[in-house]
Amino acid sequence: MEVAIVFMFLFAVIFGIFYLFYSTRNKERLALIEKGVDAKIFMQGEKKKSSLTGRIIILNLSLLLMGIGLGVFVALLLTTYSALEEEAIFPAMIFFMGGLGLFLGFNLTKKLDQES
Protein backbone atom coordinates (compact mmCIF):
# COMPACT_ATOMS: atom_id res chain seq x y z
CA MET A 1 0.00 0.00 0.00
CA GLU A 2 2.84 2.41 0.85
CA VAL A 3 4.51 1.76 -2.50
CA ALA A 4 1.35 2.75 -4.35
CA ILE A 5 1.17 6.02 -2.42
CA VAL A 6 4.79 6.79 -3.25
CA PHE A 7 4.22 6.16 -6.95
CA MET A 8 1.06 8.28 -6.97
CA PHE A 9 2.94 11.10 -5.25
CA LEU A 10 5.84 10.77 -7.70
CA PHE A 11 3.43 10.90 -10.65
CA ALA A 12 1.71 13.96 -9.19
CA VAL A 13 5.02 15.77 -8.73
CA ILE A 14 6.18 15.00 -12.29
CA PHE A 15 2.79 16.03 -13.69
CA GLY A 16 2.89 19.26 -11.69
CA ILE A 17 6.34 20.16 -12.96
CA PHE A 18 5.37 19.63 -16.59
CA TYR A 19 2.06 21.47 -16.11
CA LEU A 20 3.77 24.50 -14.59
CA PHE A 21 6.44 24.52 -17.29
CA TYR A 22 4.01 24.42 -20.21
CA SER A 23 1.44 26.78 -18.71
CA THR A 24 4.13 29.35 -17.86
CA ARG A 25 5.64 29.08 -21.33
CA ASN A 26 2.22 29.55 -22.88
CA LYS A 27 1.52 32.65 -20.75
CA GLU A 28 4.89 34.16 -21.69
CA ARG A 29 4.26 33.60 -25.38
CA LEU A 30 0.75 35.07 -25.18
CA ALA A 31 2.11 38.15 -23.39
CA LEU A 32 4.73 38.67 -26.10
CA ILE A 33 2.16 38.25 -28.85
CA GLU A 34 -0.14 40.77 -27.13
CA LYS A 35 2.72 43.28 -27.15
CA GLY A 36 2.99 42.86 -30.91
CA VAL A 37 6.10 40.72 -31.15
CA ASP A 38 6.08 38.37 -34.13
CA ALA A 39 5.41 34.74 -33.22
CA LYS A 40 8.21 33.52 -35.49
CA ILE A 41 10.77 34.26 -32.78
CA PHE A 42 9.65 31.08 -31.01
CA MET A 43 10.66 28.88 -33.93
CA GLN A 44 14.05 30.39 -34.80
CA GLY A 45 16.29 28.74 -32.24
CA GLU A 46 14.45 25.43 -31.94
CA LYS A 47 15.51 23.98 -35.30
CA LYS A 48 19.21 24.57 -34.66
CA LYS A 49 18.95 23.48 -31.06
CA SER A 50 17.14 20.21 -31.71
CA SER A 51 19.54 19.02 -34.40
CA LEU A 52 22.53 20.01 -32.30
CA THR A 53 21.09 18.47 -29.13
CA GLY A 54 20.77 15.07 -30.77
CA ARG A 55 24.39 15.19 -31.90
CA ILE A 56 25.57 16.21 -28.45
CA ILE A 57 23.68 13.38 -26.73
CA ILE A 58 25.01 10.79 -29.18
CA LEU A 59 28.55 12.15 -28.87
CA ASN A 60 28.56 12.14 -25.07
CA LEU A 61 26.88 8.75 -24.79
CA SER A 62 29.27 7.14 -27.24
CA LEU A 63 32.33 8.62 -25.51
CA LEU A 64 31.00 7.49 -22.13
CA LEU A 65 30.49 3.92 -23.33
CA MET A 66 33.90 3.84 -25.02
CA GLY A 67 35.44 5.14 -21.80
CA ILE A 68 33.74 2.41 -19.76
CA GLY A 69 34.92 -0.26 -22.22
CA LEU A 70 38.44 1.12 -22.14
CA GLY A 71 38.30 1.22 -18.33
CA VAL A 72 37.37 -2.47 -18.18
CA PHE A 73 40.17 -3.31 -20.61
CA VAL A 74 42.81 -1.31 -18.72
CA ALA A 75 41.65 -2.76 -15.40
CA LEU A 76 41.95 -6.27 -16.85
CA LEU A 77 45.47 -5.52 -18.04
CA LEU A 78 46.44 -4.09 -14.65
CA THR A 79 45.09 -7.06 -12.70
CA THR A 80 46.76 -9.52 -15.06
CA TYR A 81 50.23 -7.96 -15.07
CA SER A 82 50.41 -6.45 -11.58
CA ALA A 83 49.69 -7.38 -7.99
CA LEU A 84 46.85 -4.88 -7.61
CA GLU A 85 43.60 -6.08 -6.10
CA GLU A 86 40.82 -6.80 -8.59
CA GLU A 87 38.03 -5.50 -6.32
CA ALA A 88 39.59 -2.05 -6.15
CA ILE A 89 41.01 -1.55 -9.62
CA PHE A 90 37.93 -2.44 -11.72
CA PRO A 91 35.54 0.22 -10.33
CA ALA A 92 38.34 2.77 -10.18
CA MET A 93 39.33 2.35 -13.81
CA ILE A 94 35.72 2.19 -15.04
CA PHE A 95 34.82 5.46 -13.30
CA PHE A 96 38.10 7.13 -14.27
CA MET A 97 37.86 6.26 -17.95
CA GLY A 98 34.13 7.01 -18.06
CA GLY A 99 34.77 10.43 -16.53
CA LEU A 100 37.61 11.01 -18.97
CA GLY A 101 35.25 10.18 -21.84
CA LEU A 102 32.63 12.62 -20.53
CA PHE A 103 35.26 15.33 -20.13
CA LEU A 104 36.40 14.76 -23.71
CA GLY A 105 32.77 14.91 -24.81
CA PHE A 106 32.31 18.19 -22.97
CA ASN A 107 35.28 19.73 -24.75
CA LEU A 108 34.14 18.44 -28.14
CA THR A 109 30.64 19.78 -27.45
CA LYS A 110 32.06 23.23 -26.73
CA LYS A 111 33.91 23.15 -30.07
CA LEU A 112 30.77 21.95 -31.86
CA ASP A 113 28.74 24.73 -30.22
CA GLN A 114 31.25 27.41 -31.27
CA GLU A 115 31.21 26.22 -34.89
CA SER A 116 27.45 26.63 -35.26
C-alpha atoms as a PDB file:
ATOM      1  CA  MET A   1       0.000   0.000   0.000  1.00  0.00           C
ATOM      2  CA  GLU A   2       2.845   2.409   0.848  1.00  0.00           C
ATOM      3  CA  VAL A   3       4.513   1.763  -2.502  1.00  0.00           C
ATOM      4  CA  ALA A   4       1.348   2.748  -4.353  1.00  0.00           C
ATOM      5  CA  ILE A   5       1.171   6.024  -2.422  1.00  0.00           C
ATOM      6  CA  VAL A   6       4.794   6.792  -3.248  1.00  0.00           C
ATOM      7  CA  PHE A   7       4.220   6.156  -6.954  1.00  0.00           C
ATOM      8  CA  MET A   8       1.060   8.282  -6.969  1.00  0.00           C
ATOM      9  CA  PHE A   9       2.940  11.104  -5.250  1.00  0.00           C
ATOM     10  CA  LEU A  10       5.836  10.773  -7.703  1.00  0.00           C
ATOM     11  CA  PHE A  11       3.430  10.896 -10.648  1.00  0.00           C
ATOM     12  CA  ALA A  12       1.707  13.957  -9.191  1.00  0.00           C
ATOM     13  CA  VAL A  13       5.024  15.773  -8.732  1.00  0.00           C
ATOM     14  CA  ILE A  14       6.178  15.005 -12.287  1.00  0.00           C
ATOM     15  CA  PHE A  15       2.790  16.027 -13.694  1.00  0.00           C
ATOM     16  CA  GLY A  16       2.892  19.259 -11.686  1.00  0.00           C
ATOM     17  CA  ILE A  17       6.335  20.164 -12.956  1.00  0.00           C
ATOM     18  CA  PHE A  18       5.367  19.627 -16.588  1.00  0.00           C
ATOM     19  CA  TYR A  19       2.062  21.471 -16.112  1.00  0.00           C
ATOM     20  CA  LEU A  20       3.770  24.497 -14.594  1.00  0.00           C
ATOM     21  CA  PHE A  21       6.436  24.525 -17.293  1.00  0.00           C
ATOM     22  CA  TYR A  22       4.014  24.415 -20.210  1.00  0.00           C
ATOM     23  CA  SER A  23       1.442  26.781 -18.708  1.00  0.00           C
ATOM     24  CA  THR A  24       4.127  29.345 -17.863  1.00  0.00           C
ATOM     25  CA  ARG A  25       5.643  29.079 -21.329  1.00  0.00           C
ATOM     26  CA  ASN A  26       2.217  29.551 -22.882  1.00  0.00           C
ATOM     27  CA  LYS A  27       1.519  32.646 -20.750  1.00  0.00           C
ATOM     28  CA  GLU A  28       4.892  34.160 -21.689  1.00  0.00           C
ATOM     29  CA  ARG A  29       4.256  33.598 -25.384  1.00  0.00           C
ATOM     30  CA  LEU A  30       0.751  35.071 -25.178  1.00  0.00           C
ATOM     31  CA  ALA A  31       2.115  38.152 -23.387  1.00  0.00           C
ATOM     32  CA  LEU A  32       4.733  38.668 -26.101  1.00  0.00           C
ATOM     33  CA  ILE A  33       2.159  38.248 -28.851  1.00  0.00           C
ATOM     34  CA  GLU A  34      -0.135  40.774 -27.132  1.00  0.00           C
ATOM     35  CA  LYS A  35       2.720  43.279 -27.150  1.00  0.00           C
ATOM     36  CA  GLY A  36       2.987  42.859 -30.908  1.00  0.00           C
ATOM     37  CA  VAL A  37       6.102  40.719 -31.149  1.00  0.00           C
ATOM     38  CA  ASP A  38       6.078  38.371 -34.129  1.00  0.00           C
ATOM     39  CA  ALA A  39       5.405  34.741 -33.216  1.00  0.00           C
ATOM     40  CA  LYS A  40       8.214  33.522 -35.494  1.00  0.00           C
ATOM     41  CA  ILE A  41      10.768  34.255 -32.777  1.00  0.00           C
ATOM     42  CA  PHE A  42       9.650  31.084 -31.007  1.00  0.00           C
ATOM     43  CA  MET A  43      10.660  28.876 -33.926  1.00  0.00           C
ATOM     44  CA  GLN A  44      14.049  30.386 -34.801  1.00  0.00           C
ATOM     45  CA  GLY A  45      16.292  28.736 -32.244  1.00  0.00           C
ATOM     46  CA  GLU A  46      14.449  25.428 -31.942  1.00  0.00           C
ATOM     47  CA  LYS A  47      15.514  23.982 -35.296  1.00  0.00           C
ATOM     48  CA  LYS A  48      19.212  24.574 -34.665  1.00  0.00           C
ATOM     49  CA  LYS A  49      18.952  23.478 -31.061  1.00  0.00           C
ATOM     50  CA  SER A  50      17.137  20.214 -31.706  1.00  0.00           C
ATOM     51  CA  SER A  51      19.541  19.023 -34.397  1.00  0.00           C
ATOM     52  CA  LEU A  52      22.529  20.010 -32.296  1.00  0.00           C
ATOM     53  CA  THR A  53      21.088  18.469 -29.128  1.00  0.00           C
ATOM     54  CA  GLY A  54      20.772  15.065 -30.773  1.00  0.00           C
ATOM     55  CA  ARG A  55      24.389  15.195 -31.901  1.00  0.00           C
ATOM     56  CA  ILE A  56      25.567  16.214 -28.448  1.00  0.00           C
ATOM     57  CA  ILE A  57      23.676  13.380 -26.726  1.00  0.00           C
ATOM     58  CA  ILE A  58      25.006  10.793 -29.178  1.00  0.00           C
ATOM     59  CA  LEU A  59      28.555  12.152 -28.873  1.00  0.00           C
ATOM     60  CA  ASN A  60      28.561  12.144 -25.070  1.00  0.00           C
ATOM     61  CA  LEU A  61      26.876   8.750 -24.793  1.00  0.00           C
ATOM     62  CA  SER A  62      29.274   7.142 -27.243  1.00  0.00           C
ATOM     63  CA  LEU A  63      32.329   8.617 -25.513  1.00  0.00           C
ATOM     64  CA  LEU A  64      31.000   7.489 -22.128  1.00  0.00           C
ATOM     65  CA  LEU A  65      30.486   3.924 -23.333  1.00  0.00           C
ATOM     66  CA  MET A  66      33.902   3.845 -25.024  1.00  0.00           C
ATOM     67  CA  GLY A  67      35.442   5.136 -21.801  1.00  0.00           C
ATOM     68  CA  ILE A  68      33.736   2.405 -19.760  1.00  0.00           C
ATOM     69  CA  GLY A  69      34.917  -0.257 -22.224  1.00  0.00           C
ATOM     70  CA  LEU A  70      38.440   1.124 -22.137  1.00  0.00           C
ATOM     71  CA  GLY A  71      38.305   1.220 -18.333  1.00  0.00           C
ATOM     72  CA  VAL A  72      37.374  -2.474 -18.176  1.00  0.00           C
ATOM     73  CA  PHE A  73      40.170  -3.312 -20.612  1.00  0.00           C
ATOM     74  CA  VAL A  74      42.806  -1.307 -18.720  1.00  0.00           C
ATOM     75  CA  ALA A  75      41.651  -2.764 -15.399  1.00  0.00           C
ATOM     76  CA  LEU A  76      41.945  -6.272 -16.850  1.00  0.00           C
ATOM     77  CA  LEU A  77      45.472  -5.517 -18.036  1.00  0.00           C
ATOM     78  CA  LEU A  78      46.437  -4.089 -14.648  1.00  0.00           C
ATOM     79  CA  THR A  79      45.090  -7.055 -12.696  1.00  0.00           C
ATOM     80  CA  THR A  80      46.757  -9.520 -15.064  1.00  0.00           C
ATOM     81  CA  TYR A  81      50.230  -7.958 -15.072  1.00  0.00           C
ATOM     82  CA  SER A  82      50.411  -6.454 -11.582  1.00  0.00           C
ATOM     83  CA  ALA A  83      49.693  -7.381  -7.991  1.00  0.00           C
ATOM     84  CA  LEU A  84      46.852  -4.882  -7.612  1.00  0.00           C
ATOM     85  CA  GLU A  85      43.596  -6.077  -6.099  1.00  0.00           C
ATOM     86  CA  GLU A  86      40.817  -6.800  -8.590  1.00  0.00           C
ATOM     87  CA  GLU A  87      38.028  -5.501  -6.316  1.00  0.00           C
ATOM     88  CA  ALA A  88      39.587  -2.050  -6.150  1.00  0.00           C
ATOM     89  CA  ILE A  89      41.014  -1.547  -9.616  1.00  0.00           C
ATOM     90  CA  PHE A  90      37.935  -2.437 -11.724  1.00  0.00           C
ATOM     91  CA  PRO A  91      35.541   0.215 -10.333  1.00  0.00           C
ATOM     92  CA  ALA A  92      38.345   2.773 -10.176  1.00  0.00           C
ATOM     93  CA  MET A  93      39.327   2.347 -13.812  1.00  0.00           C
ATOM     94  CA  ILE A  94      35.722   2.194 -15.039  1.00  0.00           C
ATOM     95  CA  PHE A  95      34.815   5.456 -13.297  1.00  0.00           C
ATOM     96  CA  PHE A  96      38.098   7.131 -14.270  1.00  0.00           C
ATOM     97  CA  MET A  97      37.861   6.263 -17.952  1.00  0.00           C
ATOM     98  CA  GLY A  98      34.125   7.007 -18.058  1.00  0.00           C
ATOM     99  CA  GLY A  99      34.768  10.432 -16.530  1.00  0.00           C
ATOM    100  CA  LEU A 100      37.606  11.014 -18.967  1.00  0.00           C
ATOM    101  CA  GLY A 101      35.252  10.178 -21.841  1.00  0.00           C
ATOM    102  CA  LEU A 102      32.632  12.616 -20.534  1.00  0.00           C
ATOM    103  CA  PHE A 103      35.262  15.326 -20.131  1.00  0.00           C
ATOM    104  CA  LEU A 104      36.403  14.764 -23.708  1.00  0.00           C
ATOM    105  CA  GLY A 105      32.766  14.910 -24.812  1.00  0.00           C
ATOM    106  CA  PHE A 106      32.308  18.195 -22.971  1.00  0.00           C
ATOM    107  CA  ASN A 107      35.281  19.728 -24.751  1.00  0.00           C
ATOM    108  CA  LEU A 108      34.136  18.444 -28.143  1.00  0.00           C
ATOM    109  CA  THR A 109      30.641  19.782 -27.447  1.00  0.00           C
ATOM    110  CA  LYS A 110      32.065  23.235 -26.728  1.00  0.00           C
ATOM    111  CA  LYS A 111      33.907  23.153 -30.072  1.00  0.00           C
ATOM    112  CA  LEU A 112      30.771  21.954 -31.860  1.00  0.00           C
ATOM    113  CA  ASP A 113      28.742  24.730 -30.216  1.00  0.00           C
ATOM    114  CA  GLN A 114      31.252  27.407 -31.270  1.00  0.00           C
ATOM    115  CA  GLU A 115      31.207  26.220 -34.890  1.00  0.00           C
ATOM    116  CA  SER A 116      27.454  26.626 -35.257  1.00  0.00           C
END
